[in-house]
Amino acid sequence: MEYTVRQMIKDDWEQVKFIYEAGIATGNATFETQAPTYEKWRTSAHPECCFVADDGTSVLGWCKVTSVSDRCVYAGVGEVSVYVHPEARGKGIGDVLLGESIKSSEQQGFWTLQAGIFPENAPSLHLHKKHGFRELGRRERIGKMNGIWRDVLLLERRSMTIGID
C-alpha cells in the first residue's frame, strides 16, 4: 500500500472525522462519544504536529499532538493520538504516523509524549511500546463508559534529544 504522510488540511476533516468516529465505535479508543467540530479539534492540536496518511484519494489515518497543560512548566509535554481507518489497520500506517508524531514533536520542543490507552486496546499498547513508550501506571476506574467504570493505562515516552540538559 502506497501513501504519503503530510500535514493535515481542513479539506481532510470529513475523512479524519469518519476515522475518529470509527475509533469511538470500537469502545476501546476513547471516552468520547462523538467527534468534535473541526474548529475544536484543530485548535486542540499543536499546529505543526497534526498529520494524515494519504493514498492520493483517501485519508488512511491521522495523528496529532496536543498540549497537556497551558502551564509553562509543562510546555514540552504533549499527548499523542493516532487513529487508522478500519480497512487500513494492520498495514503499518499507525507505525509511520506515530513515528512522524515523535519526530515533529521533538522538532517543536516537546520532551515528553503521553498516551492514555484502554488496557483492552492491545494493538495500540503494542504500537506505543514499539516506539519507546513505557507504562507508568494504571488509572483505575478513571471514567465511566456506558455506565461501566473503565481503567486507562498511562504511557510516556521521553525524548532522547530534547529536555536532556
C-alpha atoms as a PDB file:
ATOM      1  CA  MET A   1       0.000   0.000   0.000  1.00  0.00           C
ATOM      2  CA  GLU A   2       1.463   3.325  -1.054  1.00  0.00           C
ATOM      3  CA  TYR A   3       0.737   6.517   0.823  1.00  0.00           C
ATOM      4  CA  THR A   4       2.355   9.726   1.949  1.00  0.00           C
ATOM      5  CA  VAL A   5       2.306  11.406   5.331  1.00  0.00           C
ATOM      6  CA  ARG A   6       1.610  15.126   5.224  1.00  0.00           C
ATOM      7  CA  GLN A   7       0.260  17.958   7.333  1.00  0.00           C
ATOM      8  CA  MET A   8      -3.486  17.774   7.768  1.00  0.00           C
ATOM      9  CA  ILE A   9      -5.538  20.421   5.960  1.00  0.00           C
ATOM     10  CA  LYS A  10      -9.142  21.455   6.506  1.00  0.00           C
ATOM     11  CA  ASP A  11     -10.283  19.514   3.422  1.00  0.00           C
ATOM     12  CA  ASP A  12      -9.235  16.304   5.214  1.00  0.00           C
ATOM     13  CA  TRP A  13     -11.641  16.879   8.091  1.00  0.00           C
ATOM     14  CA  GLU A  14     -14.596  14.758   6.941  1.00  0.00           C
ATOM     15  CA  GLN A  15     -12.363  11.722   6.431  1.00  0.00           C
ATOM     16  CA  VAL A  16     -10.464  12.372   9.684  1.00  0.00           C
ATOM     17  CA  LYS A  17     -13.807  12.673  11.470  1.00  0.00           C
ATOM     18  CA  PHE A  18     -15.002   9.384   9.941  1.00  0.00           C
ATOM     19  CA  ILE A  19     -11.857   7.616  11.174  1.00  0.00           C
ATOM     20  CA  TYR A  20     -12.272   9.142  14.636  1.00  0.00           C
ATOM     21  CA  GLU A  21     -15.926   8.078  14.762  1.00  0.00           C
ATOM     22  CA  ALA A  22     -14.897   4.548  13.751  1.00  0.00           C
ATOM     23  CA  GLY A  23     -12.485   4.555  16.682  1.00  0.00           C
ATOM     24  CA  ILE A  24     -15.216   5.799  19.005  1.00  0.00           C
ATOM     25  CA  ALA A  25     -17.484   2.975  17.817  1.00  0.00           C
ATOM     26  CA  THR A  26     -14.958   0.321  18.899  1.00  0.00           C
ATOM     27  CA  GLY A  27     -15.469   1.281  22.529  1.00  0.00           C
ATOM     28  CA  ASN A  28     -11.732   0.872  23.157  1.00  0.00           C
ATOM     29  CA  ALA A  29     -10.179   4.022  21.711  1.00  0.00           C
ATOM     30  CA  THR A  30     -11.563   6.980  23.671  1.00  0.00           C
ATOM     31  CA  PHE A  31     -14.112   8.032  26.261  1.00  0.00           C
ATOM     32  CA  GLU A  32     -15.540  10.493  23.731  1.00  0.00           C
ATOM     33  CA  THR A  33     -18.973   9.632  22.380  1.00  0.00           C
ATOM     34  CA  GLN A  34     -18.934  11.907  19.346  1.00  0.00           C
ATOM     35  CA  ALA A  35     -16.388  13.730  17.247  1.00  0.00           C
ATOM     36  CA  PRO A  36     -15.908  17.436  17.955  1.00  0.00           C
ATOM     37  CA  THR A  37     -16.292  20.186  15.411  1.00  0.00           C
ATOM     38  CA  TYR A  38     -13.347  20.798  13.118  1.00  0.00           C
ATOM     39  CA  GLU A  39     -12.575  24.081  14.865  1.00  0.00           C
ATOM     40  CA  LYS A  40     -12.469  22.493  18.313  1.00  0.00           C
ATOM     41  CA  TRP A  41     -10.460  19.521  17.066  1.00  0.00           C
ATOM     42  CA  ARG A  42      -7.925  21.643  15.214  1.00  0.00           C
ATOM     43  CA  THR A  43      -7.426  24.216  17.988  1.00  0.00           C
ATOM     44  CA  SER A  44      -6.625  21.405  20.421  1.00  0.00           C
ATOM     45  CA  ALA A  45      -3.815  20.137  18.159  1.00  0.00           C
ATOM     46  CA  HIS A  46      -0.339  21.610  18.044  1.00  0.00           C
ATOM     47  CA  PRO A  47      -0.295  23.228  14.567  1.00  0.00           C
ATOM     48  CA  GLU A  48       2.957  21.569  13.446  1.00  0.00           C
ATOM     49  CA  CYS A  49       2.103  18.139  14.868  1.00  0.00           C
ATOM     50  CA  CYS A  50      -1.061  17.158  13.017  1.00  0.00           C
ATOM     51  CA  PHE A  51      -0.664  14.689  10.140  1.00  0.00           C
ATOM     52  CA  VAL A  52      -2.595  12.369   7.858  1.00  0.00           C
ATOM     53  CA  ALA A  53      -1.568   9.324   5.851  1.00  0.00           C
ATOM     54  CA  ASP A  54      -2.967   9.852   2.353  1.00  0.00           C
ATOM     55  CA  ASP A  55      -3.002   7.365  -0.550  1.00  0.00           C
ATOM     56  CA  GLY A  56      -3.892  10.043  -3.094  1.00  0.00           C
ATOM     57  CA  THR A  57      -7.650   9.553  -2.854  1.00  0.00           C
ATOM     58  CA  SER A  58      -8.343   8.781   0.809  1.00  0.00           C
ATOM     59  CA  VAL A  59      -7.088   9.542   4.279  1.00  0.00           C
ATOM     60  CA  LEU A  60      -5.947   6.238   5.780  1.00  0.00           C
ATOM     61  CA  GLY A  61      -5.138   7.534   9.253  1.00  0.00           C
ATOM     62  CA  TRP A  62      -4.247  10.570  11.294  1.00  0.00           C
ATOM     63  CA  CYS A  63      -2.207  11.632  14.292  1.00  0.00           C
ATOM     64  CA  LYS A  64      -1.932  14.734  16.402  1.00  0.00           C
ATOM     65  CA  VAL A  65      -0.148  16.036  19.462  1.00  0.00           C
ATOM     66  CA  THR A  66      -1.982  18.212  21.965  1.00  0.00           C
ATOM     67  CA  SER A  67      -0.542  20.103  24.909  1.00  0.00           C
ATOM     68  CA  VAL A  68      -1.416  18.560  28.259  1.00  0.00           C
ATOM     69  CA  SER A  69      -1.474  21.887  30.104  1.00  0.00           C
ATOM     70  CA  ASP A  70      -1.203  25.602  29.483  1.00  0.00           C
ATOM     71  CA  ARG A  71       1.181  25.951  32.455  1.00  0.00           C
ATOM     72  CA  CYS A  72       4.653  26.913  31.215  1.00  0.00           C
ATOM     73  CA  VAL A  73       6.387  24.146  33.191  1.00  0.00           C
ATOM     74  CA  TYR A  74       4.562  21.592  31.012  1.00  0.00           C
ATOM     75  CA  ALA A  75       5.228  23.352  27.701  1.00  0.00           C
ATOM     76  CA  GLY A  76       7.184  20.359  26.404  1.00  0.00           C
ATOM     77  CA  VAL A  77       4.673  17.709  27.422  1.00  0.00           C
ATOM     78  CA  GLY A  78       2.121  16.563  24.870  1.00  0.00           C
ATOM     79  CA  GLU A  79      -0.476  13.871  24.443  1.00  0.00           C
ATOM     80  CA  VAL A  80      -0.353  11.896  21.217  1.00  0.00           C
ATOM     81  CA  SER A  81      -3.349  10.416  19.399  1.00  0.00           C
ATOM     82  CA  VAL A  82      -3.161   8.007  16.456  1.00  0.00           C
ATOM     83  CA  TYR A  83      -6.178   6.616  14.583  1.00  0.00           C
ATOM     84  CA  VAL A  84      -6.224   4.413  11.484  1.00  0.00           C
ATOM     85  CA  HIS A  85      -9.112   3.735   9.102  1.00  0.00           C
ATOM     86  CA  PRO A  86     -10.676   0.316   9.882  1.00  0.00           C
ATOM     87  CA  GLU A  87      -9.841  -1.005   6.395  1.00  0.00           C
ATOM     88  CA  ALA A  88      -6.210   0.149   6.674  1.00  0.00           C
ATOM     89  CA  ARG A  89      -5.356  -1.306  10.077  1.00  0.00           C
ATOM     90  CA  GLY A  90      -2.504  -3.775  10.402  1.00  0.00           C
ATOM     91  CA  LYS A  91      -0.579  -2.325   7.457  1.00  0.00           C
ATOM     92  CA  GLY A  92       1.988  -0.226   9.321  1.00  0.00           C
ATOM     93  CA  ILE A  93       0.212   3.105   8.921  1.00  0.00           C
ATOM     94  CA  GLY A  94      -0.090   3.709  12.660  1.00  0.00           C
ATOM     95  CA  ASP A  95       3.604   2.902  12.998  1.00  0.00           C
ATOM     96  CA  VAL A  96       4.577   5.540  10.434  1.00  0.00           C
ATOM     97  CA  LEU A  97       2.165   8.120  11.858  1.00  0.00           C
ATOM     98  CA  LEU A  98       3.393   7.662  15.429  1.00  0.00           C
ATOM     99  CA  GLY A  99       6.981   7.933  14.208  1.00  0.00           C
ATOM    100  CA  GLU A 100       6.108  11.202  12.467  1.00  0.00           C
ATOM    101  CA  SER A 101       4.420  12.477  15.643  1.00  0.00           C
ATOM    102  CA  ILE A 102       7.551  11.759  17.661  1.00  0.00           C
ATOM    103  CA  LYS A 103       9.838  13.407  15.104  1.00  0.00           C
ATOM    104  CA  SER A 104       7.703  16.522  14.658  1.00  0.00           C
ATOM    105  CA  SER A 105       7.025  16.911  18.379  1.00  0.00           C
ATOM    106  CA  GLU A 106      10.756  16.888  19.120  1.00  0.00           C
ATOM    107  CA  GLN A 107      11.303  19.486  16.383  1.00  0.00           C
ATOM    108  CA  GLN A 108       8.711  21.620  18.190  1.00  0.00           C
ATOM    109  CA  GLY A 109      10.441  21.223  21.561  1.00  0.00           C
ATOM    110  CA  PHE A 110       8.352  18.502  23.193  1.00  0.00           C
ATOM    111  CA  TRP A 111      10.444  16.416  25.597  1.00  0.00           C
ATOM    112  CA  THR A 112       7.677  14.075  26.733  1.00  0.00           C
ATOM    113  CA  LEU A 113       4.768  12.457  24.925  1.00  0.00           C
ATOM    114  CA  GLN A 114       1.997  10.758  26.854  1.00  0.00           C
ATOM    115  CA  ALA A 115      -0.791   8.444  25.779  1.00  0.00           C
ATOM    116  CA  GLY A 116      -3.818   7.233  27.703  1.00  0.00           C
ATOM    117  CA  ILE A 117      -4.827   3.800  26.404  1.00  0.00           C
ATOM    118  CA  PHE A 118      -7.551   1.384  27.474  1.00  0.00           C
ATOM    119  CA  PRO A 119      -5.946  -1.892  28.660  1.00  0.00           C
ATOM    120  CA  GLU A 120      -8.141  -3.774  26.169  1.00  0.00           C
ATOM    121  CA  ASN A 121      -6.582  -1.915  23.217  1.00  0.00           C
ATOM    122  CA  ALA A 122      -3.685  -4.344  22.703  1.00  0.00           C
ATOM    123  CA  PRO A 123      -2.730  -3.084  19.200  1.00  0.00           C
ATOM    124  CA  SER A 124      -2.316   0.485  20.476  1.00  0.00           C
ATOM    125  CA  LEU A 125      -0.319  -0.644  23.505  1.00  0.00           C
ATOM    126  CA  HIS A 126       1.972  -2.684  21.262  1.00  0.00           C
ATOM    127  CA  LEU A 127       2.438   0.222  18.837  1.00  0.00           C
ATOM    128  CA  HIS A 128       3.326   2.721  21.537  1.00  0.00           C
ATOM    129  CA  LYS A 129       5.726   0.361  23.319  1.00  0.00           C
ATOM    130  CA  LYS A 130       7.415  -0.334  19.975  1.00  0.00           C
ATOM    131  CA  HIS A 131       8.166   3.403  19.807  1.00  0.00           C
ATOM    132  CA  GLY A 132       9.715   3.588  23.257  1.00  0.00           C
ATOM    133  CA  PHE A 133       6.679   4.413  25.363  1.00  0.00           C
ATOM    134  CA  ARG A 134       6.692   2.842  28.803  1.00  0.00           C
ATOM    135  CA  GLU A 135       3.763   2.153  31.056  1.00  0.00           C
ATOM    136  CA  LEU A 136       3.738   4.494  34.050  1.00  0.00           C
ATOM    137  CA  GLY A 137       0.651   3.130  35.695  1.00  0.00           C
ATOM    138  CA  ARG A 138      -2.995   2.289  35.625  1.00  0.00           C
ATOM    139  CA  ARG A 139      -5.601   4.940  36.311  1.00  0.00           C
ATOM    140  CA  GLU A 140      -8.205   2.692  37.876  1.00  0.00           C
ATOM    141  CA  ARG A 141     -11.857   3.429  37.288  1.00  0.00           C
ATOM    142  CA  ILE A 142     -10.923   6.832  35.876  1.00  0.00           C
ATOM    143  CA  GLY A 143     -14.184   7.277  33.985  1.00  0.00           C
ATOM    144  CA  LYS A 144     -17.448   5.639  33.053  1.00  0.00           C
ATOM    145  CA  MET A 145     -18.343   4.459  29.587  1.00  0.00           C
ATOM    146  CA  ASN A 146     -21.892   3.273  29.024  1.00  0.00           C
ATOM    147  CA  GLY A 147     -22.345   3.023  32.788  1.00  0.00           C
ATOM    148  CA  ILE A 148     -19.221   0.898  33.319  1.00  0.00           C
ATOM    149  CA  TRP A 149     -16.087   2.132  35.073  1.00  0.00           C
ATOM    150  CA  ARG A 150     -13.016   1.867  32.836  1.00  0.00           C
ATOM    151  CA  ASP A 151      -9.300   1.870  33.564  1.00  0.00           C
ATOM    152  CA  VAL A 152      -6.769   3.721  31.434  1.00  0.00           C
ATOM    153  CA  LEU A 153      -3.071   2.925  31.191  1.00  0.00           C
ATOM    154  CA  LEU A 154      -0.806   5.967  31.186  1.00  0.00           C
ATOM    155  CA  LEU A 155       2.173   5.612  28.861  1.00  0.00           C
ATOM    156  CA  GLU A 156       5.047   8.037  28.417  1.00  0.00           C
ATOM    157  CA  ARG A 157       7.956   8.499  26.045  1.00  0.00           C
ATOM    158  CA  ARG A 158      10.860  10.756  26.973  1.00  0.00           C
ATOM    159  CA  SER A 159      12.861  12.290  24.154  1.00  0.00           C
ATOM    160  CA  MET A 160      16.496  11.264  23.875  1.00  0.00           C
ATOM    161  CA  THR A 161      17.358  14.657  22.321  1.00  0.00           C
ATOM    162  CA  ILE A 162      15.061  17.290  23.869  1.00  0.00           C
ATOM    163  CA  GLY A 163      14.981  18.158  27.567  1.00  0.00           C
ATOM    164  CA  ILE A 164      18.061  16.166  28.476  1.00  0.00           C
ATOM    165  CA  ASP A 165      20.085  19.051  29.907  1.00  0.00           C
END
